[in-house]
Amino acid sequence: PELKEDPMECPLCMEPLEIDDVNFFPCTCGYQICRFCWHRIRTDENGLCPACRK
């Protein structure tokens, strides 16, 4: 498989995903965000998945 030239981005902050974030799926729905945004949602917001709201 060809490697994509553009790195995968967090859909919330639009920053490229770090190596540690590429396989990080904090919700069972499979929504992928970076650990920074996940931490922010858990600490500063309602803690729910932005995609499925669980």
PDB file of N, CA and C in Angstrom:
ATOM      1  N   PRO A   1       0.828  -1.210   0.000  1.00  0.00           N
ATOM      2  CA  PRO A   1       0.000   0.000   0.000  1.00  0.00           C
ATOM      3  C   PRO A   1       0.861   1.259   0.000  1.00  0.00           C
ATOM      4  N   GLU A   2       0.386   2.246  -0.718  1.00  0.00           N
ATOM      5  CA  GLU A   2       1.132   3.500  -0.779  1.00  0.00           C
ATOM      6  C   GLU A   2       0.896   4.312   0.485  1.00  0.00           C
ATOM      7  N   LEU A   3       1.933   4.999   0.913  1.00  0.00           N
ATOM      8  CA  LEU A   3       1.784   5.890   2.052  1.00  0.00           C
ATOM      9  C   LEU A   3       1.175   7.196   1.567  1.00  0.00           C
ATOM     10  N   LYS A   4       0.231   7.693   2.340  1.00  0.00           N
ATOM     11  CA  LYS A   4      -0.359   8.978   1.978  1.00  0.00           C
ATOM     12  C   LYS A   4       0.663  10.078   2.234  1.00  0.00           C
ATOM     13  N   GLU A   5       0.712  11.032   1.337  1.00  0.00           N
ATOM     14  CA  GLU A   5       1.654  12.134   1.521  1.00  0.00           C
ATOM     15  C   GLU A   5       1.208  13.044   2.653  1.00  0.00           C
ATOM     16  N   ASP A   6      -0.089  13.235   2.780  1.00  0.00           N
ATOM     17  CA  ASP A   6      -0.595  14.075   3.856  1.00  0.00           C
ATOM     18  C   ASP A   6      -0.763  13.233   5.112  1.00  0.00           C
ATOM     19  N   PRO A   7      -0.191  13.686   6.222  1.00  0.00           N
ATOM     20  CA  PRO A   7      -0.395  12.934   7.462  1.00  0.00           C
ATOM     21  C   PRO A   7      -1.854  13.013   7.891  1.00  0.00           C
ATOM     22  N   MET A   8      -2.302  11.999   8.596  1.00  0.00           N
ATOM     23  CA  MET A   8      -3.668  12.022   9.102  1.00  0.00           C
ATOM     24  C   MET A   8      -3.784  13.158  10.104  1.00  0.00           C
ATOM     25  N   GLU A   9      -4.937  13.803  10.100  1.00  0.00           N
ATOM     26  CA  GLU A   9      -5.140  14.941  10.989  1.00  0.00           C
ATOM     27  C   GLU A   9      -6.250  14.650  11.982  1.00  0.00           C
ATOM     28  N   CYS A  10      -6.136  15.257  13.136  1.00  0.00           N
ATOM     29  CA  CYS A  10      -7.223  15.218  14.104  1.00  0.00           C
ATOM     30  C   CYS A  10      -8.372  16.049  13.535  1.00  0.00           C
ATOM     31  N   PRO A  11      -9.587  15.501  13.497  1.00  0.00           N
ATOM     32  CA  PRO A  11     -10.703  16.256  12.921  1.00  0.00           C
ATOM     33  C   PRO A  11     -11.134  17.455  13.770  1.00  0.00           C
ATOM     34  N   LEU A  12     -10.676  17.517  15.003  1.00  0.00           N
ATOM     35  CA  LEU A  12     -11.072  18.633  15.864  1.00  0.00           C
ATOM     36  C   LEU A  12     -10.089  19.794  15.784  1.00  0.00           C
ATOM     37  N   CYS A  13      -8.802  19.502  15.979  1.00  0.00           N
ATOM     38  CA  CYS A  13      -7.816  20.593  15.995  1.00  0.00           C
ATOM     39  C   CYS A  13      -7.078  20.729  14.664  1.00  0.00           C
ATOM     40  N   MET A  14      -7.278  19.778  13.768  1.00  0.00           N
ATOM     41  CA  MET A  14      -6.667  19.787  12.435  1.00  0.00           C
ATOM     42  C   MET A  14      -5.143  19.669  12.458  1.00  0.00           C
ATOM     43  N   GLU A  15      -4.596  19.280  13.597  1.00  0.00           N
ATOM     44  CA  GLU A  15      -3.155  19.054  13.685  1.00  0.00           C
ATOM     45  C   GLU A  15      -2.851  17.637  13.198  1.00  0.00           C
ATOM     46  N   PRO A  16      -1.682  17.439  12.604  1.00  0.00           N
ATOM     47  CA  PRO A  16      -1.309  16.069  12.206  1.00  0.00           C
ATOM     48  C   PRO A  16      -1.270  15.155  13.427  1.00  0.00           C
ATOM     49  N   LEU A  17      -1.747  13.933  13.248  1.00  0.00           N
ATOM     50  CA  LEU A  17      -1.735  12.986  14.356  1.00  0.00           C
ATOM     51  C   LEU A  17      -0.302  12.549  14.638  1.00  0.00           C
ATOM     52  N   GLU A  18       0.040  12.517  15.910  1.00  0.00           N
ATOM     53  CA  GLU A  18       1.345  12.010  16.317  1.00  0.00           C
ATOM     54  C   GLU A  18       1.368  10.496  16.098  1.00  0.00           C
ATOM     55  N   ILE A  19       2.557   9.929  16.115  1.00  0.00           N
ATOM     56  CA  ILE A  19       2.692   8.478  15.949  1.00  0.00           C
ATOM     57  C   ILE A  19       1.831   7.743  16.980  1.00  0.00           C
ATOM     58  N   ASP A  20       1.837   8.238  18.213  1.00  0.00           N
ATOM     59  CA  ASP A  20       1.056   7.592  19.274  1.00  0.00           C
ATOM     60  C   ASP A  20      -0.446   7.698  19.037  1.00  0.00           C
ATOM     61  N   ASP A  21      -0.869   8.690  18.261  1.00  0.00           N
ATOM     62  CA  ASP A  21      -2.301   8.919  18.062  1.00  0.00           C
ATOM     63  C   ASP A  21      -2.879   8.137  16.890  1.00  0.00           C
ATOM     64  N   VAL A  22      -2.020   7.631  16.009  1.00  0.00           N
ATOM     65  CA  VAL A  22      -2.507   6.990  14.787  1.00  0.00           C
ATOM     66  C   VAL A  22      -3.405   5.796  15.098  1.00  0.00           C
ATOM     67  N   ASN A  23      -3.094   5.067  16.152  1.00  0.00           N
ATOM     68  CA  ASN A  23      -3.906   3.907  16.524  1.00  0.00           C
ATOM     69  C   ASN A  23      -4.738   4.169  17.774  1.00  0.00           C
ATOM     70  N   PHE A  24      -4.984   5.438  18.057  1.00  0.00           N
ATOM     71  CA  PHE A  24      -5.731   5.820  19.257  1.00  0.00           C
ATOM     72  C   PHE A  24      -7.178   6.113  18.882  1.00  0.00           C
ATOM     73  N   PHE A  25      -8.069   5.219  19.316  1.00  0.00           N
ATOM     74  CA  PHE A  25      -9.501   5.383  19.065  1.00  0.00           C
ATOM     75  C   PHE A  25     -10.197   5.328  20.425  1.00  0.00           C
ATOM     76  N   PRO A  26     -10.381   6.484  21.069  1.00  0.00           N
ATOM     77  CA  PRO A  26     -10.873   6.484  22.447  1.00  0.00           C
ATOM     78  C   PRO A  26     -12.317   6.020  22.608  1.00  0.00           C
ATOM     79  N   CYS A  27     -13.086   6.009  21.549  1.00  0.00           N
ATOM     80  CA  CYS A  27     -14.489   5.599  21.650  1.00  0.00           C
ATOM     81  C   CYS A  27     -14.719   4.303  20.881  1.00  0.00           C
ATOM     82  N   THR A  28     -15.662   3.519  21.348  1.00  0.00           N
ATOM     83  CA  THR A  28     -15.974   2.258  20.678  1.00  0.00           C
ATOM     84  C   THR A  28     -16.581   2.477  19.291  1.00  0.00           C
ATOM     85  N   CYS A  29     -17.030   3.699  19.000  1.00  0.00           N
ATOM     86  CA  CYS A  29     -17.593   3.961  17.668  1.00  0.00           C
ATOM     87  C   CYS A  29     -16.494   4.081  16.614  1.00  0.00           C
ATOM     88  N   GLY A  30     -15.240   4.169  17.062  1.00  0.00           N
ATOM     89  CA  GLY A  30     -14.127   4.225  16.123  1.00  0.00           C
ATOM     90  C   GLY A  30     -13.708   5.626  15.732  1.00  0.00           C
ATOM     91  N   TYR A  31     -14.286   6.630  16.361  1.00  0.00           N
ATOM     92  CA  TYR A  31     -13.909   8.009  16.057  1.00  0.00           C
ATOM     93  C   TYR A  31     -12.481   8.255  16.519  1.00  0.00           C
ATOM     94  N   GLN A  32     -11.699   8.879  15.671  1.00  0.00           N
ATOM     95  CA  GLN A  32     -10.289   9.089  15.974  1.00  0.00           C
ATOM     96  C   GLN A  32     -10.007  10.563  16.207  1.00  0.00           C
ATOM     97  N   ILE A  33      -9.451  10.861  17.364  1.00  0.00           N
ATOM     98  CA  ILE A  33      -8.990  12.209  17.671  1.00  0.00           C
ATOM     99  C   ILE A  33      -7.636  12.093  18.359  1.00  0.00           C
ATOM    100  N   CYS A  34      -6.932  13.199  18.436  1.00  0.00           N
ATOM    101  CA  CYS A  34      -5.631  13.164  19.099  1.00  0.00           C
ATOM    102  C   CYS A  34      -5.821  13.142  20.614  1.00  0.00           C
ATOM    103  N   ARG A  35      -4.794  12.713  21.297  1.00  0.00           N
ATOM    104  CA  ARG A  35      -4.875  12.608  22.757  1.00  0.00           C
ATOM    105  C   ARG A  35      -5.071  13.968  23.415  1.00  0.00           C
ATOM    106  N   PHE A  36      -4.537  15.008  22.801  1.00  0.00           N
ATOM    107  CA  PHE A  36      -4.703  16.348  23.353  1.00  0.00           C
ATOM    108  C   PHE A  36      -6.184  16.728  23.369  1.00  0.00           C
ATOM    109  N   CYS A  37      -6.865  16.524  22.240  1.00  0.00           N
ATOM    110  CA  CYS A  37      -8.294  16.857  22.173  1.00  0.00           C
ATOM    111  C   CYS A  37      -9.112  15.945  23.082  1.00  0.00           C
ATOM    112  N   TRP A  38      -8.740  14.669  23.141  1.00  0.00           N
ATOM    113  CA  TRP A  38      -9.454  13.739  24.009  1.00  0.00           C
ATOM    114  C   TRP A  38      -9.350  14.187  25.467  1.00  0.00           C
ATOM    115  N   HIS A  39      -8.150  14.582  25.857  1.00  0.00           N
ATOM    116  CA  HIS A  39      -7.945  15.053  27.227  1.00  0.00           C
ATOM    117  C   HIS A  39      -8.762  16.324  27.488  1.00  0.00           C
ATOM    118  N   ARG A  40      -8.779  17.221  26.512  1.00  0.00           N
ATOM    119  CA  ARG A  40      -9.529  18.472  26.659  1.00  0.00           C
ATOM    120  C   ARG A  40     -11.028  18.188  26.806  1.00  0.00           C
ATOM    121  N   ILE A  41     -11.540  17.268  26.006  1.00  0.00           N
ATOM    122  CA  ILE A  41     -12.959  16.919  26.087  1.00  0.00           C
ATOM    123  C   ILE A  41     -13.275  16.294  27.446  1.00  0.00           C
ATOM    124  N   ARG A  42     -12.372  15.444  27.921  1.00  0.00           N
ATOM    125  CA  ARG A  42     -12.601  14.759  29.196  1.00  0.00           C
ATOM    126  C   ARG A  42     -12.506  15.706  30.389  1.00  0.00           C
ATOM    127  N   THR A  43     -11.652  16.717  30.292  1.00  0.00           N
ATOM    128  CA  THR A  43     -11.434  17.578  31.457  1.00  0.00           C
ATOM    129  C   THR A  43     -12.208  18.892  31.399  1.00  0.00           C
ATOM    130  N   ASP A  44     -12.347  19.461  30.202  1.00  0.00           N
ATOM    131  CA  ASP A  44     -12.947  20.793  30.095  1.00  0.00           C
ATOM    132  C   ASP A  44     -14.364  20.785  29.540  1.00  0.00           C
ATOM    133  N   GLU A  45     -14.763  19.676  28.932  1.00  0.00           N
ATOM    134  CA  GLU A  45     -16.082  19.637  28.310  1.00  0.00           C
ATOM    135  C   GLU A  45     -16.909  18.513  28.924  1.00  0.00           C
ATOM    136  N   ASN A  46     -17.887  18.010  28.176  1.00  0.00           N
ATOM    137  CA  ASN A  46     -18.818  17.035  28.744  1.00  0.00           C
ATOM    138  C   ASN A  46     -18.292  15.605  28.758  1.00  0.00           C
ATOM    139  N   GLY A  47     -17.138  15.358  28.153  1.00  0.00           N
ATOM    140  CA  GLY A  47     -16.557  14.025  28.163  1.00  0.00           C
ATOM    141  C   GLY A  47     -17.166  13.063  27.168  1.00  0.00           C
ATOM    142  N   LEU A  48     -18.079  13.539  26.341  1.00  0.00           N
ATOM    143  CA  LEU A  48     -18.739  12.665  25.378  1.00  0.00           C
ATOM    144  C   LEU A  48     -18.013  12.675  24.040  1.00  0.00           C
ATOM    145  N   CYS A  49     -18.122  11.569  23.332  1.00  0.00           N
ATOM    146  CA  CYS A  49     -17.522  11.461  22.002  1.00  0.00           C
ATOM    147  C   CYS A  49     -18.169  12.487  21.074  1.00  0.00           C
ATOM    148  N   PRO A  50     -17.368  13.258  20.340  1.00  0.00           N
ATOM    149  CA  PRO A  50     -17.946  14.248  19.422  1.00  0.00           C
ATOM    150  C   PRO A  50     -18.752  13.615  18.287  1.00  0.00           C
ATOM    151  N   ALA A  51     -18.487  12.354  17.993  1.00  0.00           N
ATOM    152  CA  ALA A  51     -19.167  11.707  16.871  1.00  0.00           C
ATOM    153  C   ALA A  51     -20.490  11.067  17.288  1.00  0.00           C
ATOM    154  N   CYS A  52     -20.453  10.237  18.342  1.00  0.00           N
ATOM    155  CA  CYS A  52     -21.657   9.473  18.694  1.00  0.00           C
ATOM    156  C   CYS A  52     -22.304   9.934  19.998  1.00  0.00           C
ATOM    157  N   ARG A  53     -21.642  10.834  20.706  1.00  0.00           N
ATOM    158  CA  ARG A  53     -22.166  11.397  21.962  1.00  0.00           C
ATOM    159  C   ARG A  53     -22.323  10.378  23.082  1.00  0.00           C
ATOM    160  N   LYS A  54     -21.533   9.304  23.024  1.00  0.00           N
ATOM    161  CA  LYS A  54     -21.568   8.324  24.121  1.00  0.00           C
ATOM    162  C   LYS A  54     -20.428   8.588  25.081  1.00  0.00           C
TER     163      LYS A  54
END
